[in-house]
Amino acid sequence: MWKKIYLLTAALVLSACSEQQSNDAFLTLGDQAFSQSAWSEADESTRGTMVDSFLKEYSVTGMKSETLIDLLGEPTGYHEYDHDLAYFIGGNVQSQYGEGYLLVFFIKDGIVDEYRTFPAID
């Protein structure tokens, strides 16, 4: 019993740490405050500067995909599956998806399960 509790606690701590570390990487793109209106009018580079603020303001993991689309608009990129939402954001990087980073929100049963950039932000 104690072993299960220990393993569950360890998994929760590690998942919280890994999410925070990945969020901190977005600061390398900039620290502009997120707003829906600014995002909708921004180019990819400016959107990149707002991602850190957006992720701090909204708890996207567990969010309905419709809510995410309401906040960020229709996806501007494509990943492997149509149900995953992908947005190009700034950065001087080239990948198989195009110029800039591809911010992908992985959707499971209509809910954001996780998010990542391609390529990963160092």
C-alpha atoms as a PDB file:
ATOM      1  CA  MET A   1       0.000   0.000   0.000  1.00  0.00           C
ATOM      2  CA  TRP A   2       2.730   2.484   0.999  1.00  0.00           C
ATOM      3  CA  LYS A   3       4.679   1.606  -2.112  1.00  0.00           C
ATOM      4  CA  LYS A   4       1.703   2.581  -4.305  1.00  0.00           C
ATOM      5  CA  ILE A   5       1.275   5.873  -2.461  1.00  0.00           C
ATOM      6  CA  TYR A   6       4.996   6.604  -2.809  1.00  0.00           C
ATOM      7  CA  LEU A   7       4.973   5.842  -6.550  1.00  0.00           C
ATOM      8  CA  LEU A   8       1.875   7.976  -7.116  1.00  0.00           C
ATOM      9  CA  THR A   9       3.383  10.880  -5.181  1.00  0.00           C
ATOM     10  CA  ALA A  10       6.655  10.599  -7.090  1.00  0.00           C
ATOM     11  CA  ALA A  11       4.828  10.543 -10.426  1.00  0.00           C
ATOM     12  CA  LEU A  12       2.839  13.663  -9.528  1.00  0.00           C
ATOM     13  CA  VAL A  13       5.943  15.548  -8.426  1.00  0.00           C
ATOM     14  CA  LEU A  14       7.844  14.589 -11.568  1.00  0.00           C
ATOM     15  CA  SER A  15       4.974  15.543 -13.857  1.00  0.00           C
ATOM     16  CA  ALA A  16       4.649  18.935 -12.157  1.00  0.00           C
ATOM     17  CA  CYS A  17       8.387  19.544 -12.484  1.00  0.00           C
ATOM     18  CA  SER A  18       8.528  18.560 -16.137  1.00  0.00           C
ATOM     19  CA  GLU A  19       5.590  20.811 -17.032  1.00  0.00           C
ATOM     20  CA  GLN A  20       7.176  23.781 -15.248  1.00  0.00           C
ATOM     21  CA  GLN A  21      10.500  23.188 -16.973  1.00  0.00           C
ATOM     22  CA  SER A  22       8.850  23.062 -20.373  1.00  0.00           C
ATOM     23  CA  ASN A  23       6.891  26.241 -19.611  1.00  0.00           C
ATOM     24  CA  ASP A  24      10.081  28.082 -18.629  1.00  0.00           C
ATOM     25  CA  ALA A  25      11.480  27.357 -22.077  1.00  0.00           C
ATOM     26  CA  PHE A  26       8.800  29.582 -23.613  1.00  0.00           C
ATOM     27  CA  LEU A  27      10.370  32.606 -21.896  1.00  0.00           C
ATOM     28  CA  THR A  28      13.199  32.373 -24.424  1.00  0.00           C
ATOM     29  CA  LEU A  29      10.678  33.495 -27.052  1.00  0.00           C
ATOM     30  CA  GLY A  30       9.601  36.562 -25.067  1.00  0.00           C
ATOM     31  CA  ASP A  31       7.394  37.718 -22.245  1.00  0.00           C
ATOM     32  CA  GLN A  32       4.610  39.756 -23.828  1.00  0.00           C
ATOM     33  CA  ALA A  33       1.268  39.576 -22.002  1.00  0.00           C
ATOM     34  CA  PHE A  34      -1.339  37.362 -23.675  1.00  0.00           C
ATOM     35  CA  SER A  35      -4.690  38.726 -24.772  1.00  0.00           C
ATOM     36  CA  GLN A  36      -7.115  37.176 -27.226  1.00  0.00           C
ATOM     37  CA  SER A  37      -7.302  40.322 -29.328  1.00  0.00           C
ATOM     38  CA  ALA A  38      -3.520  40.750 -29.477  1.00  0.00           C
ATOM     39  CA  TRP A  39      -3.079  37.050 -30.355  1.00  0.00           C
ATOM     40  CA  SER A  40      -5.678  37.198 -33.130  1.00  0.00           C
ATOM     41  CA  GLU A  41      -3.931  40.177 -34.765  1.00  0.00           C
ATOM     42  CA  ALA A  42      -0.347  39.014 -34.179  1.00  0.00           C
ATOM     43  CA  ASP A  43       2.069  37.352 -36.548  1.00  0.00           C
ATOM     44  CA  GLU A  44       3.753  34.078 -35.618  1.00  0.00           C
ATOM     45  CA  SER A  45       6.773  35.776 -34.083  1.00  0.00           C
ATOM     46  CA  THR A  46       4.677  37.957 -31.786  1.00  0.00           C
ATOM     47  CA  ARG A  47       2.486  35.003 -30.844  1.00  0.00           C
ATOM     48  CA  GLY A  48       5.612  33.210 -29.684  1.00  0.00           C
ATOM     49  CA  THR A  49       6.300  36.010 -27.220  1.00  0.00           C
ATOM     50  CA  MET A  50       2.827  35.516 -25.686  1.00  0.00           C
ATOM     51  CA  VAL A  51       2.923  31.737 -25.131  1.00  0.00           C
ATOM     52  CA  ASP A  52       4.550  31.881 -21.698  1.00  0.00           C
ATOM     53  CA  SER A  53       1.945  34.390 -20.473  1.00  0.00           C
ATOM     54  CA  PHE A  54      -0.872  32.320 -21.989  1.00  0.00           C
ATOM     55  CA  LEU A  55       0.268  29.112 -20.294  1.00  0.00           C
ATOM     56  CA  LYS A  56       0.619  30.876 -16.938  1.00  0.00           C
ATOM     57  CA  GLU A  57      -2.842  32.440 -17.233  1.00  0.00           C
ATOM     58  CA  TYR A  58      -4.709  29.365 -18.453  1.00  0.00           C
ATOM     59  CA  SER A  59      -4.454  25.791 -17.282  1.00  0.00           C
ATOM     60  CA  VAL A  60      -4.618  24.195 -20.707  1.00  0.00           C
ATOM     61  CA  THR A  61      -4.098  20.592 -19.650  1.00  0.00           C
ATOM     62  CA  GLY A  62      -7.639  19.371 -19.045  1.00  0.00           C
ATOM     63  CA  MET A  63      -9.188  22.190 -21.093  1.00  0.00           C
ATOM     64  CA  LYS A  64     -11.825  21.404 -23.723  1.00  0.00           C
ATOM     65  CA  SER A  65     -10.496  21.743 -27.252  1.00  0.00           C
ATOM     66  CA  GLU A  66     -13.369  24.126 -28.089  1.00  0.00           C
ATOM     67  CA  THR A  67     -12.284  26.443 -25.277  1.00  0.00           C
ATOM     68  CA  LEU A  68      -8.717  26.440 -26.591  1.00  0.00           C
ATOM     69  CA  ILE A  69      -9.960  27.337 -30.076  1.00  0.00           C
ATOM     70  CA  ASP A  70     -12.083  30.128 -28.575  1.00  0.00           C
ATOM     71  CA  LEU A  71      -8.928  31.538 -26.969  1.00  0.00           C
ATOM     72  CA  LEU A  72      -6.396  31.044 -29.784  1.00  0.00           C
ATOM     73  CA  GLY A  73      -8.550  30.845 -32.893  1.00  0.00           C
ATOM     74  CA  GLU A  74      -8.435  28.158 -35.532  1.00  0.00           C
ATOM     75  CA  PRO A  75      -5.158  26.199 -35.719  1.00  0.00           C
ATOM     76  CA  THR A  76      -2.517  27.642 -38.051  1.00  0.00           C
ATOM     77  CA  GLY A  77      -0.517  24.430 -38.484  1.00  0.00           C
ATOM     78  CA  TYR A  78      -0.918  20.709 -38.803  1.00  0.00           C
ATOM     79  CA  HIS A  79       0.671  17.909 -36.825  1.00  0.00           C
ATOM     80  CA  GLU A  80       0.028  14.196 -37.295  1.00  0.00           C
ATOM     81  CA  TYR A  81      -3.682  14.019 -36.503  1.00  0.00           C
ATOM     82  CA  ASP A  82      -6.564  16.333 -37.383  1.00  0.00           C
ATOM     83  CA  HIS A  83      -7.900  16.357 -33.823  1.00  0.00           C
ATOM     84  CA  ASP A  84      -4.631  17.748 -32.377  1.00  0.00           C
ATOM     85  CA  LEU A  85      -4.511  21.550 -32.481  1.00  0.00           C
ATOM     86  CA  ALA A  86      -1.307  23.081 -33.848  1.00  0.00           C
ATOM     87  CA  TYR A  87      -0.169  26.713 -34.012  1.00  0.00           C
ATOM     88  CA  PHE A  88       2.963  28.179 -35.565  1.00  0.00           C
ATOM     89  CA  ILE A  89       4.768  30.447 -33.137  1.00  0.00           C
ATOM     90  CA  GLY A  90       7.893  32.542 -33.544  1.00  0.00           C
ATOM     91  CA  GLY A  91      11.489  31.624 -33.408  1.00  0.00           C
ATOM     92  CA  ASN A  92      14.333  31.411 -35.864  1.00  0.00           C
ATOM     93  CA  VAL A  93      14.183  27.699 -36.391  1.00  0.00           C
ATOM     94  CA  GLN A  94      13.345  25.447 -39.307  1.00  0.00           C
ATOM     95  CA  SER A  95      11.610  22.113 -38.901  1.00  0.00           C
ATOM     96  CA  GLN A  96       9.784  19.560 -40.989  1.00  0.00           C
ATOM     97  CA  TYR A  97       6.615  21.576 -40.279  1.00  0.00           C
ATOM     98  CA  GLY A  98       7.920  24.883 -41.595  1.00  0.00           C
ATOM     99  CA  GLU A  99       9.604  27.990 -40.250  1.00  0.00           C
ATOM    100  CA  GLY A 100       9.229  28.623 -36.536  1.00  0.00           C
ATOM    101  CA  TYR A 101       8.084  26.319 -33.780  1.00  0.00           C
ATOM    102  CA  LEU A 102       4.919  24.272 -34.025  1.00  0.00           C
ATOM    103  CA  LEU A 103       3.021  24.396 -30.718  1.00  0.00           C
ATOM    104  CA  VAL A 104       0.869  21.277 -30.581  1.00  0.00           C
ATOM    105  CA  PHE A 105      -1.936  20.611 -28.128  1.00  0.00           C
ATOM    106  CA  PHE A 106      -2.602  16.872 -28.055  1.00  0.00           C
ATOM    107  CA  ILE A 107      -6.314  16.172 -27.710  1.00  0.00           C
ATOM    108  CA  LYS A 108      -7.765  13.048 -26.143  1.00  0.00           C
ATOM    109  CA  ASP A 109     -11.561  12.674 -26.023  1.00  0.00           C
ATOM    110  CA  GLY A 110     -12.014  16.401 -26.722  1.00  0.00           C
ATOM    111  CA  ILE A 111      -9.701  17.471 -23.876  1.00  0.00           C
ATOM    112  CA  VAL A 112      -6.126  18.810 -24.005  1.00  0.00           C
ATOM    113  CA  ASP A 113      -3.980  15.977 -22.701  1.00  0.00           C
ATOM    114  CA  GLU A 114      -0.566  17.622 -23.136  1.00  0.00           C
ATOM    115  CA  TYR A 115       1.286  20.151 -25.258  1.00  0.00           C
ATOM    116  CA  ARG A 116       4.744  20.376 -26.859  1.00  0.00           C
ATOM    117  CA  THR A 117       6.672  22.302 -29.439  1.00  0.00           C
ATOM    118  CA  PHE A 118       8.338  20.860 -32.495  1.00  0.00           C
ATOM    119  CA  PRO A 119      11.237  21.132 -32.470  1.00  0.00           C
ATOM    120  CA  ALA A 120      11.636  21.312 -28.688  1.00  0.00           C
ATOM    121  CA  ILE A 121      12.684  24.693 -27.329  1.00  0.00           C
ATOM    122  CA  ASP A 122      16.092  24.422 -25.660  1.00  0.00           C
END
